[in-house]
Amino acid sequence: MATRSIPRLEQSSSALFLCDIQERFTKAIHEFDNMAKASSKLLRGAQILEIPVFTTEQNSKALGSTVDVLKKDIPENSTIVDKTRFSMVLDDGTTDKWLRDHKVQNVMIVGIESHVCVLQTTLDLLKKGFNVFIIRDAISSCNKQEVPLAIERMRLAGATITTSESALFELMLDSKHPHFKAISGLIKTEKDSTKAALEALTSRI
């Protein structure tokens, strides 16, 4: 009997995509603060685990740059790209080259909007053969009703839906991981914001 292939996050082959969490969206996005805090937690975890980060900003001249609360957590050597295309998979090959250079197989996505840029990025990455992991507590849209619909479409297309805390533990695999103490401390520090984000999620399911 053939073994079923189940996508799993692995530290050595995973990357984090930070999608368009910009200044002009702070008042428009549903549960923006909770989404940003979950994204920040994953960004800090990525730094600890040395997970590469690819960041995009949608038309930054009009919509502003990445919000300060996240900008400070983006690794110094991270790539930040301005775009007009909704998908983070850019026409000029920038994204493809970055993924090859970092030997990425698994992509975690945080950001906005769930039903536009996050969705189109997910579909493009799946088409190219990548495993995509949607961080459920770290994505949102202006209209909250769009979020579960986008989640369902991405799930049906083949993406894996998970949470920031679950992803960090999956990347470590074992409590003997050398960075377990640091990641556990990060998760404990963000316990209240994680609870608030998850309660917000379940209230809109």
C-alpha atoms as a PDB file:
ATOM      1  CA  MET A   1       0.000   0.000   0.000  1.00  0.00           C
ATOM      2  CA  ALA A   2       1.470   3.372  -1.040  1.00  0.00           C
ATOM      3  CA  THR A   3       2.339   5.826   1.720  1.00  0.00           C
ATOM      4  CA  ARG A   4       0.320   9.011   1.559  1.00  0.00           C
ATOM      5  CA  SER A   5       2.448  12.121   0.996  1.00  0.00           C
ATOM      6  CA  ILE A   6       1.618  14.746   3.620  1.00  0.00           C
ATOM      7  CA  PRO A   7       3.287  18.165   3.461  1.00  0.00           C
ATOM      8  CA  ARG A   8       5.367  18.912   6.566  1.00  0.00           C
ATOM      9  CA  LEU A   9       7.282  21.994   7.574  1.00  0.00           C
ATOM     10  CA  GLU A  10      11.024  21.438   7.831  1.00  0.00           C
ATOM     11  CA  GLN A  11      13.488  24.016   9.090  1.00  0.00           C
ATOM     12  CA  SER A  12      16.007  23.425   6.315  1.00  0.00           C
ATOM     13  CA  SER A  13      13.564  23.850   3.406  1.00  0.00           C
ATOM     14  CA  SER A  14      11.015  26.387   4.645  1.00  0.00           C
ATOM     15  CA  ALA A  15      10.554  30.115   4.099  1.00  0.00           C
ATOM     16  CA  LEU A  16       8.208  32.791   5.387  1.00  0.00           C
ATOM     17  CA  PHE A  17       6.339  35.079   2.967  1.00  0.00           C
ATOM     18  CA  LEU A  18       5.184  38.374   4.504  1.00  0.00           C
ATOM     19  CA  CYS A  19       2.455  39.767   2.260  1.00  0.00           C
ATOM     20  CA  ASP A  20       1.643  43.509   2.122  1.00  0.00           C
ATOM     21  CA  ILE A  21       1.115  44.328   5.818  1.00  0.00           C
ATOM     22  CA  GLN A  22       1.352  48.082   5.228  1.00  0.00           C
ATOM     23  CA  GLU A  23       0.547  51.361   6.940  1.00  0.00           C
ATOM     24  CA  ARG A  24      -2.578  52.281   4.961  1.00  0.00           C
ATOM     25  CA  PHE A  25      -4.268  49.001   5.912  1.00  0.00           C
ATOM     26  CA  THR A  26      -4.068  49.400   9.697  1.00  0.00           C
ATOM     27  CA  LYS A  27      -7.581  50.836  10.036  1.00  0.00           C
ATOM     28  CA  ALA A  28      -9.168  48.860   7.206  1.00  0.00           C
ATOM     29  CA  ILE A  29      -8.261  45.238   7.905  1.00  0.00           C
ATOM     30  CA  HIS A  30     -10.461  43.129  10.169  1.00  0.00           C
ATOM     31  CA  GLU A  31      -8.616  42.226  13.409  1.00  0.00           C
ATOM     32  CA  PHE A  32      -5.488  43.962  12.114  1.00  0.00           C
ATOM     33  CA  ASP A  33      -3.731  44.078  15.491  1.00  0.00           C
ATOM     34  CA  ASN A  34      -4.197  40.370  16.169  1.00  0.00           C
ATOM     35  CA  MET A  35      -3.058  39.493  12.652  1.00  0.00           C
ATOM     36  CA  ALA A  36       0.022  41.717  12.964  1.00  0.00           C
ATOM     37  CA  LYS A  37       0.956  40.287  16.376  1.00  0.00           C
ATOM     38  CA  ALA A  38       0.749  36.724  15.051  1.00  0.00           C
ATOM     39  CA  SER A  39       2.870  37.734  12.067  1.00  0.00           C
ATOM     40  CA  SER A  40       5.409  39.375  14.377  1.00  0.00           C
ATOM     41  CA  LYS A  41       5.638  36.220  16.476  1.00  0.00           C
ATOM     42  CA  LEU A  42       6.335  34.130  13.404  1.00  0.00           C
ATOM     43  CA  LEU A  43       8.877  36.658  12.124  1.00  0.00           C
ATOM     44  CA  ARG A  44      10.774  36.538  15.411  1.00  0.00           C
ATOM     45  CA  GLY A  45      10.594  32.766  15.373  1.00  0.00           C
ATOM     46  CA  ALA A  46      11.948  32.758  11.832  1.00  0.00           C
ATOM     47  CA  GLN A  47      14.897  34.847  12.989  1.00  0.00           C
ATOM     48  CA  ILE A  48      15.662  32.421  15.804  1.00  0.00           C
ATOM     49  CA  LEU A  49      15.397  29.396  13.501  1.00  0.00           C
ATOM     50  CA  GLU A  50      17.182  31.153  10.609  1.00  0.00           C
ATOM     51  CA  ILE A  51      14.184  30.758   8.291  1.00  0.00           C
ATOM     52  CA  PRO A  52      14.509  33.091   5.264  1.00  0.00           C
ATOM     53  CA  VAL A  53      11.886  35.825   4.880  1.00  0.00           C
ATOM     54  CA  PHE A  54      10.512  37.280   1.628  1.00  0.00           C
ATOM     55  CA  THR A  55       8.494  40.481   2.046  1.00  0.00           C
ATOM     56  CA  THR A  56       6.354  42.374  -0.463  1.00  0.00           C
ATOM     57  CA  GLU A  57       4.692  45.777  -0.358  1.00  0.00           C
ATOM     58  CA  GLN A  58       1.783  46.556  -2.665  1.00  0.00           C
ATOM     59  CA  ASN A  59       2.303  49.916  -4.409  1.00  0.00           C
ATOM     60  CA  SER A  60       4.150  51.349  -1.404  1.00  0.00           C
ATOM     61  CA  LYS A  61       4.046  54.926  -2.756  1.00  0.00           C
ATOM     62  CA  ALA A  62       0.287  54.898  -2.274  1.00  0.00           C
ATOM     63  CA  LEU A  63      -0.143  52.395   0.560  1.00  0.00           C
ATOM     64  CA  GLY A  64       2.954  52.997   2.655  1.00  0.00           C
ATOM     65  CA  SER A  65       5.689  50.630   3.745  1.00  0.00           C
ATOM     66  CA  THR A  66       5.478  47.610   6.039  1.00  0.00           C
ATOM     67  CA  VAL A  67       4.156  48.640   9.469  1.00  0.00           C
ATOM     68  CA  ASP A  68       6.821  49.496  12.044  1.00  0.00           C
ATOM     69  CA  VAL A  69       5.744  46.766  14.460  1.00  0.00           C
ATOM     70  CA  LEU A  70       6.795  44.209  11.832  1.00  0.00           C
ATOM     71  CA  LYS A  71       9.592  46.098  10.102  1.00  0.00           C
ATOM     72  CA  LYS A  72      11.746  45.852  13.215  1.00  0.00           C
ATOM     73  CA  ASP A  73      11.389  42.057  13.187  1.00  0.00           C
ATOM     74  CA  ILE A  74      12.332  41.537   9.528  1.00  0.00           C
ATOM     75  CA  PRO A  75      15.898  40.146   9.297  1.00  0.00           C
ATOM     76  CA  GLU A  76      18.448  42.658   7.980  1.00  0.00           C
ATOM     77  CA  ASN A  77      19.365  40.435   5.028  1.00  0.00           C
ATOM     78  CA  SER A  78      15.716  39.855   4.096  1.00  0.00           C
ATOM     79  CA  THR A  79      14.366  40.705   0.647  1.00  0.00           C
ATOM     80  CA  ILE A  80      11.675  43.417   0.472  1.00  0.00           C
ATOM     81  CA  VAL A  81      10.072  43.965  -2.940  1.00  0.00           C
ATOM     82  CA  ASP A  82       7.634  46.640  -4.087  1.00  0.00           C
ATOM     83  CA  LYS A  83       4.955  45.299  -6.431  1.00  0.00           C
ATOM     84  CA  THR A  84       1.765  46.076  -8.303  1.00  0.00           C
ATOM     85  CA  ARG A  85       0.905  42.457  -9.099  1.00  0.00           C
ATOM     86  CA  PHE A  86      -1.426  40.942  -6.518  1.00  0.00           C
ATOM     87  CA  SER A  87       0.524  37.683  -6.242  1.00  0.00           C
ATOM     88  CA  MET A  88       3.903  37.660  -4.490  1.00  0.00           C
ATOM     89  CA  VAL A  89       5.122  35.440  -7.345  1.00  0.00           C
ATOM     90  CA  LEU A  90       6.377  38.218  -9.577  1.00  0.00           C
ATOM     91  CA  ASP A  91       6.458  38.254 -13.386  1.00  0.00           C
ATOM     92  CA  ASP A  92      10.123  39.245 -13.577  1.00  0.00           C
ATOM     93  CA  GLY A  93      11.363  36.038 -11.957  1.00  0.00           C
ATOM     94  CA  THR A  94      12.490  37.709  -8.709  1.00  0.00           C
ATOM     95  CA  THR A  95      10.443  35.344  -6.538  1.00  0.00           C
ATOM     96  CA  ASP A  96      11.444  32.225  -8.470  1.00  0.00           C
ATOM     97  CA  LYS A  97      15.138  33.091  -8.161  1.00  0.00           C
ATOM     98  CA  TRP A  98      14.807  33.823  -4.448  1.00  0.00           C
ATOM     99  CA  LEU A  99      13.099  30.478  -3.847  1.00  0.00           C
ATOM    100  CA  ARG A 100      15.818  28.637  -5.795  1.00  0.00           C
ATOM    101  CA  ASP A 101      18.634  30.492  -4.056  1.00  0.00           C
ATOM    102  CA  HIS A 102      17.238  29.571  -0.640  1.00  0.00           C
ATOM    103  CA  LYS A 103      16.403  25.977  -1.633  1.00  0.00           C
ATOM    104  CA  VAL A 104      12.793  26.399  -0.526  1.00  0.00           C
ATOM    105  CA  GLN A 105      10.187  23.637  -0.720  1.00  0.00           C
ATOM    106  CA  ASN A 106       7.726  24.863   1.904  1.00  0.00           C
ATOM    107  CA  VAL A 107       6.291  28.389   2.081  1.00  0.00           C
ATOM    108  CA  MET A 108       4.452  29.808   5.092  1.00  0.00           C
ATOM    109  CA  ILE A 109       2.303  32.829   4.233  1.00  0.00           C
ATOM    110  CA  VAL A 110       1.149  35.654   6.518  1.00  0.00           C
ATOM    111  CA  GLY A 111      -0.480  38.917   5.512  1.00  0.00           C
ATOM    112  CA  ILE A 112      -3.329  40.487   3.593  1.00  0.00           C
ATOM    113  CA  GLU A 113      -5.711  40.340   1.940  1.00  0.00           C
ATOM    114  CA  SER A 114      -6.757  36.717   2.369  1.00  0.00           C
ATOM    115  CA  HIS A 115      -8.939  36.602  -0.727  1.00  0.00           C
ATOM    116  CA  VAL A 116      -6.657  38.629  -3.022  1.00  0.00           C
ATOM    117  CA  CYS A 117      -2.882  38.691  -2.603  1.00  0.00           C
ATOM    118  CA  VAL A 118      -2.630  35.760  -0.188  1.00  0.00           C
ATOM    119  CA  LEU A 119      -4.953  33.628  -2.320  1.00  0.00           C
ATOM    120  CA  GLN A 120      -3.247  34.415  -5.624  1.00  0.00           C
ATOM    121  CA  THR A 121       0.206  33.846  -4.126  1.00  0.00           C
ATOM    122  CA  THR A 122      -0.958  30.495  -2.798  1.00  0.00           C
ATOM    123  CA  LEU A 123      -2.388  29.379  -6.141  1.00  0.00           C
ATOM    124  CA  ASP A 124       0.784  30.428  -8.002  1.00  0.00           C
ATOM    125  CA  LEU A 125       3.077  28.627  -5.549  1.00  0.00           C
ATOM    126  CA  LEU A 126       0.963  25.464  -5.589  1.00  0.00           C
ATOM    127  CA  LYS A 127       1.010  25.476  -9.391  1.00  0.00           C
ATOM    128  CA  LYS A 128       4.817  25.590  -9.254  1.00  0.00           C
ATOM    129  CA  GLY A 129       4.921  22.567  -6.959  1.00  0.00           C
ATOM    130  CA  PHE A 130       5.626  24.197  -3.581  1.00  0.00           C
ATOM    131  CA  ASN A 131       3.994  23.146  -0.330  1.00  0.00           C
ATOM    132  CA  VAL A 132       2.035  26.133   1.005  1.00  0.00           C
ATOM    133  CA  PHE A 133       1.146  26.657   4.657  1.00  0.00           C
ATOM    134  CA  ILE A 134      -1.405  29.371   5.422  1.00  0.00           C
ATOM    135  CA  ILE A 135      -0.926  30.793   8.916  1.00  0.00           C
ATOM    136  CA  ARG A 136      -4.574  31.145   9.870  1.00  0.00           C
ATOM    137  CA  ASP A 137      -4.158  33.582  12.770  1.00  0.00           C
ATOM    138  CA  ALA A 138      -1.846  35.789  10.683  1.00  0.00           C
ATOM    139  CA  ILE A 139      -4.007  36.533   7.616  1.00  0.00           C
ATOM    140  CA  SER A 140      -7.056  38.737   7.204  1.00  0.00           C
ATOM    141  CA  SER A 141      -9.090  40.935   4.852  1.00  0.00           C
ATOM    142  CA  CYS A 142     -11.017  44.188   4.995  1.00  0.00           C
ATOM    143  CA  ASN A 143     -14.280  42.240   5.018  1.00  0.00           C
ATOM    144  CA  LYS A 144     -14.201  39.457   7.606  1.00  0.00           C
ATOM    145  CA  GLN A 145     -16.644  37.367   5.549  1.00  0.00           C
ATOM    146  CA  GLU A 146     -14.002  36.997   2.824  1.00  0.00           C
ATOM    147  CA  VAL A 147     -11.544  35.195   5.114  1.00  0.00           C
ATOM    148  CA  PRO A 148     -13.246  31.795   5.568  1.00  0.00           C
ATOM    149  CA  LEU A 149     -14.167  31.690   1.883  1.00  0.00           C
ATOM    150  CA  ALA A 150     -10.549  32.302   0.886  1.00  0.00           C
ATOM    151  CA  ILE A 151      -9.354  29.729   3.421  1.00  0.00           C
ATOM    152  CA  GLU A 152     -11.678  27.112   1.962  1.00  0.00           C
ATOM    153  CA  ARG A 153     -10.563  27.779  -1.606  1.00  0.00           C
ATOM    154  CA  MET A 154      -6.889  27.574  -0.622  1.00  0.00           C
ATOM    155  CA  ARG A 155      -7.522  24.373   1.298  1.00  0.00           C
ATOM    156  CA  LEU A 156      -9.302  22.805  -1.671  1.00  0.00           C
ATOM    157  CA  ALA A 157      -6.446  23.874  -3.950  1.00  0.00           C
ATOM    158  CA  GLY A 158      -3.999  21.967  -1.760  1.00  0.00           C
ATOM    159  CA  ALA A 159      -2.700  24.414   0.839  1.00  0.00           C
ATOM    160  CA  THR A 160      -2.264  23.378   4.460  1.00  0.00           C
ATOM    161  CA  ILE A 161      -4.012  25.544   7.051  1.00  0.00           C
ATOM    162  CA  THR A 162      -2.185  25.936  10.361  1.00  0.00           C
ATOM    163  CA  THR A 163      -1.431  28.508  13.081  1.00  0.00           C
ATOM    164  CA  SER A 164       1.648  30.468  14.100  1.00  0.00           C
ATOM    165  CA  GLU A 165       2.251  28.425  17.238  1.00  0.00           C
ATOM    166  CA  SER A 166       1.696  25.089  15.516  1.00  0.00           C
ATOM    167  CA  ALA A 167       4.075  26.055  12.694  1.00  0.00           C
ATOM    168  CA  LEU A 168       6.880  27.011  15.105  1.00  0.00           C
ATOM    169  CA  PHE A 169       6.637  23.708  16.962  1.00  0.00           C
ATOM    170  CA  GLU A 170       6.497  21.771  13.699  1.00  0.00           C
ATOM    171  CA  LEU A 171       9.651  23.483  12.470  1.00  0.00           C
ATOM    172  CA  MET A 172      11.497  22.323  15.605  1.00  0.00           C
ATOM    173  CA  LEU A 173      10.138  18.735  15.665  1.00  0.00           C
ATOM    174  CA  ASP A 174      11.698  17.915  19.035  1.00  0.00           C
ATOM    175  CA  SER A 175      12.067  19.494  22.467  1.00  0.00           C
ATOM    176  CA  LYS A 176      15.763  18.719  22.119  1.00  0.00           C
ATOM    177  CA  HIS A 177      16.029  21.286  19.329  1.00  0.00           C
ATOM    178  CA  PRO A 178      18.804  23.778  20.208  1.00  0.00           C
ATOM    179  CA  HIS A 179      16.388  26.718  19.967  1.00  0.00           C
ATOM    180  CA  PHE A 180      13.492  25.098  21.834  1.00  0.00           C
ATOM    181  CA  LYS A 181      13.966  27.281  24.916  1.00  0.00           C
ATOM    182  CA  ALA A 182      14.014  30.488  22.859  1.00  0.00           C
ATOM    183  CA  ILE A 183      10.939  29.538  20.825  1.00  0.00           C
ATOM    184  CA  SER A 184       9.064  28.380  23.925  1.00  0.00           C
ATOM    185  CA  GLY A 185       9.873  31.710  25.588  1.00  0.00           C
ATOM    186  CA  LEU A 186       8.576  33.586  22.566  1.00  0.00           C
ATOM    187  CA  ILE A 187       5.343  31.596  22.584  1.00  0.00           C
ATOM    188  CA  LYS A 188       4.846  32.163  26.325  1.00  0.00           C
ATOM    189  CA  THR A 189       5.455  35.889  25.921  1.00  0.00           C
ATOM    190  CA  GLU A 190       2.784  36.052  23.207  1.00  0.00           C
ATOM    191  CA  LYS A 191       0.319  33.751  24.988  1.00  0.00           C
ATOM    192  CA  ASP A 192      -2.329  36.435  25.584  1.00  0.00           C
ATOM    193  CA  SER A 193      -2.236  37.833  22.047  1.00  0.00           C
ATOM    194  CA  THR A 194      -2.341  34.298  20.617  1.00  0.00           C
ATOM    195  CA  LYS A 195      -5.419  33.516  22.713  1.00  0.00           C
ATOM    196  CA  ALA A 196      -7.109  36.728  21.569  1.00  0.00           C
ATOM    197  CA  ALA A 197      -6.350  35.962  17.921  1.00  0.00           C
ATOM    198  CA  LEU A 198      -7.695  32.420  18.161  1.00  0.00           C
ATOM    199  CA  GLU A 199     -10.830  33.568  19.980  1.00  0.00           C
ATOM    200  CA  ALA A 200     -11.392  36.129  17.207  1.00  0.00           C
ATOM    201  CA  LEU A 201     -10.999  33.358  14.630  1.00  0.00           C
ATOM    202  CA  THR A 202     -13.482  30.996  16.241  1.00  0.00           C
ATOM    203  CA  SER A 203     -15.999  33.813  16.701  1.00  0.00           C
ATOM    204  CA  ARG A 204     -16.194  34.316  12.923  1.00  0.00           C
ATOM    205  CA  ILE A 205     -16.252  30.682  11.774  1.00  0.00           C
END
